[in-house]
């Protein structure tokens, strides 16, 4: 339990408001579009974790 004087108002923890221009928003959206990957295939996206778990299960069996 806490005493009322020990509890901070959560509003104090919020960052200050920031003005963002339409150009900045458009730039951020364009950047997200260029970095989006539709297919998660190839050597960079190989699921080693599932293989390792399958090996552990097989070894315990």
C-alpha atoms as a PDB file:
ATOM      1  CA  UNK A   1       0.000   0.000   0.000  1.00  0.00           C
ATOM      2  CA  UNK A   2       1.047   3.541  -0.567  1.00  0.00           C
ATOM      3  CA  UNK A   3       0.161   6.759   1.162  1.00  0.00           C
ATOM      4  CA  UNK A   4      -1.568   9.340  -1.030  1.00  0.00           C
ATOM      5  CA  UNK A   5       1.483  11.623  -0.924  1.00  0.00           C
ATOM      6  CA  UNK A   6       3.630   8.783  -2.372  1.00  0.00           C
ATOM      7  CA  UNK A   7       1.515   8.356  -5.501  1.00  0.00           C
ATOM      8  CA  UNK A   8       2.450  10.499  -8.489  1.00  0.00           C
ATOM      9  CA  UNK A   9      -0.032  11.740 -11.033  1.00  0.00           C
ATOM     10  CA  UNK A  10       0.569   9.757 -14.264  1.00  0.00           C
ATOM     11  CA  UNK A  11       0.040  12.940 -16.297  1.00  0.00           C
ATOM     12  CA  UNK A  12       3.478  14.085 -15.072  1.00  0.00           C
ATOM     13  CA  UNK A  13       5.099  11.242 -16.999  1.00  0.00           C
ATOM     14  CA  UNK A  14       3.667  12.139 -20.398  1.00  0.00           C
ATOM     15  CA  UNK A  15       6.068  13.681 -22.911  1.00  0.00           C
ATOM     16  CA  UNK A  16       5.328  17.254 -23.928  1.00  0.00           C
ATOM     17  CA  UNK A  17       3.048  17.680 -26.962  1.00  0.00           C
ATOM     18  CA  UNK A  18       4.828  18.050 -30.295  1.00  0.00           C
ATOM     19  CA  UNK A  19       3.646  19.642 -33.504  1.00  0.00           C
ATOM     20  CA  UNK A  20       4.212  17.445 -36.571  1.00  0.00           C
ATOM     21  CA  UNK A  21       3.791  18.871 -40.045  1.00  0.00           C
ATOM     22  CA  UNK A  22       1.945  17.111 -42.854  1.00  0.00           C
ATOM     23  CA  UNK A  23       5.241  16.789 -44.766  1.00  0.00           C
ATOM     24  CA  UNK A  24       6.818  14.943 -41.830  1.00  0.00           C
ATOM     25  CA  UNK A  25       3.881  12.556 -41.646  1.00  0.00           C
ATOM     26  CA  UNK A  26       4.010  11.920 -45.395  1.00  0.00           C
ATOM     27  CA  UNK A  27       7.764  11.328 -45.180  1.00  0.00           C
ATOM     28  CA  UNK A  28       7.344   8.854 -42.334  1.00  0.00           C
ATOM     29  CA  UNK A  29       4.623   6.980 -44.222  1.00  0.00           C
ATOM     30  CA  UNK A  30       6.780   6.862 -47.358  1.00  0.00           C
ATOM     31  CA  UNK A  31       9.709   5.524 -45.329  1.00  0.00           C
ATOM     32  CA  UNK A  32       7.506   2.806 -43.829  1.00  0.00           C
ATOM     33  CA  UNK A  33       6.285   1.842 -47.311  1.00  0.00           C
ATOM     34  CA  UNK A  34       9.852   1.513 -48.634  1.00  0.00           C
ATOM     35  CA  UNK A  35      10.948  -0.602 -45.656  1.00  0.00           C
ATOM     36  CA  UNK A  36       7.933  -2.948 -45.719  1.00  0.00           C
ATOM     37  CA  UNK A  37       8.606  -6.531 -46.793  1.00  0.00           C
ATOM     38  CA  UNK A  38       5.673  -8.461 -48.241  1.00  0.00           C
ATOM     39  CA  UNK A  39       7.267 -11.916 -48.261  1.00  0.00           C
ATOM     40  CA  UNK A  40       9.206 -13.258 -45.306  1.00  0.00           C
ATOM     41  CA  UNK A  41      11.258 -15.743 -47.266  1.00  0.00           C
ATOM     42  CA  UNK A  42      14.950 -16.293 -47.771  1.00  0.00           C
ATOM     43  CA  UNK A  43      17.962 -16.893 -45.539  1.00  0.00           C
ATOM     44  CA  UNK A  44      17.324 -13.826 -43.395  1.00  0.00           C
ATOM     45  CA  UNK A  45      13.939 -15.174 -42.310  1.00  0.00           C
ATOM     46  CA  UNK A  46      14.846 -18.793 -41.519  1.00  0.00           C
ATOM     47  CA  UNK A  47      13.137 -20.052 -38.343  1.00  0.00           C
ATOM     48  CA  UNK A  48      15.945 -21.650 -36.360  1.00  0.00           C
ATOM     49  CA  UNK A  49      14.024 -21.559 -33.077  1.00  0.00           C
ATOM     50  CA  UNK A  50      11.311 -23.957 -34.207  1.00  0.00           C
ATOM     51  CA  UNK A  51      13.940 -26.340 -35.569  1.00  0.00           C
ATOM     52  CA  UNK A  52      15.872 -26.224 -32.277  1.00  0.00           C
ATOM     53  CA  UNK A  53      12.722 -26.946 -30.274  1.00  0.00           C
ATOM     54  CA  UNK A  54      11.879 -29.867 -32.583  1.00  0.00           C
ATOM     55  CA  UNK A  55      15.386 -31.266 -32.047  1.00  0.00           C
ATOM     56  CA  UNK A  56      15.026 -30.972 -28.256  1.00  0.00           C
ATOM     57  CA  UNK A  57      11.650 -32.700 -28.341  1.00  0.00           C
ATOM     58  CA  UNK A  58      13.028 -35.472 -30.546  1.00  0.00           C
ATOM     59  CA  UNK A  59      16.025 -35.956 -28.249  1.00  0.00           C
ATOM     60  CA  UNK A  60      13.774 -36.230 -25.190  1.00  0.00           C
ATOM     61  CA  UNK A  61      11.479 -38.675 -26.946  1.00  0.00           C
END
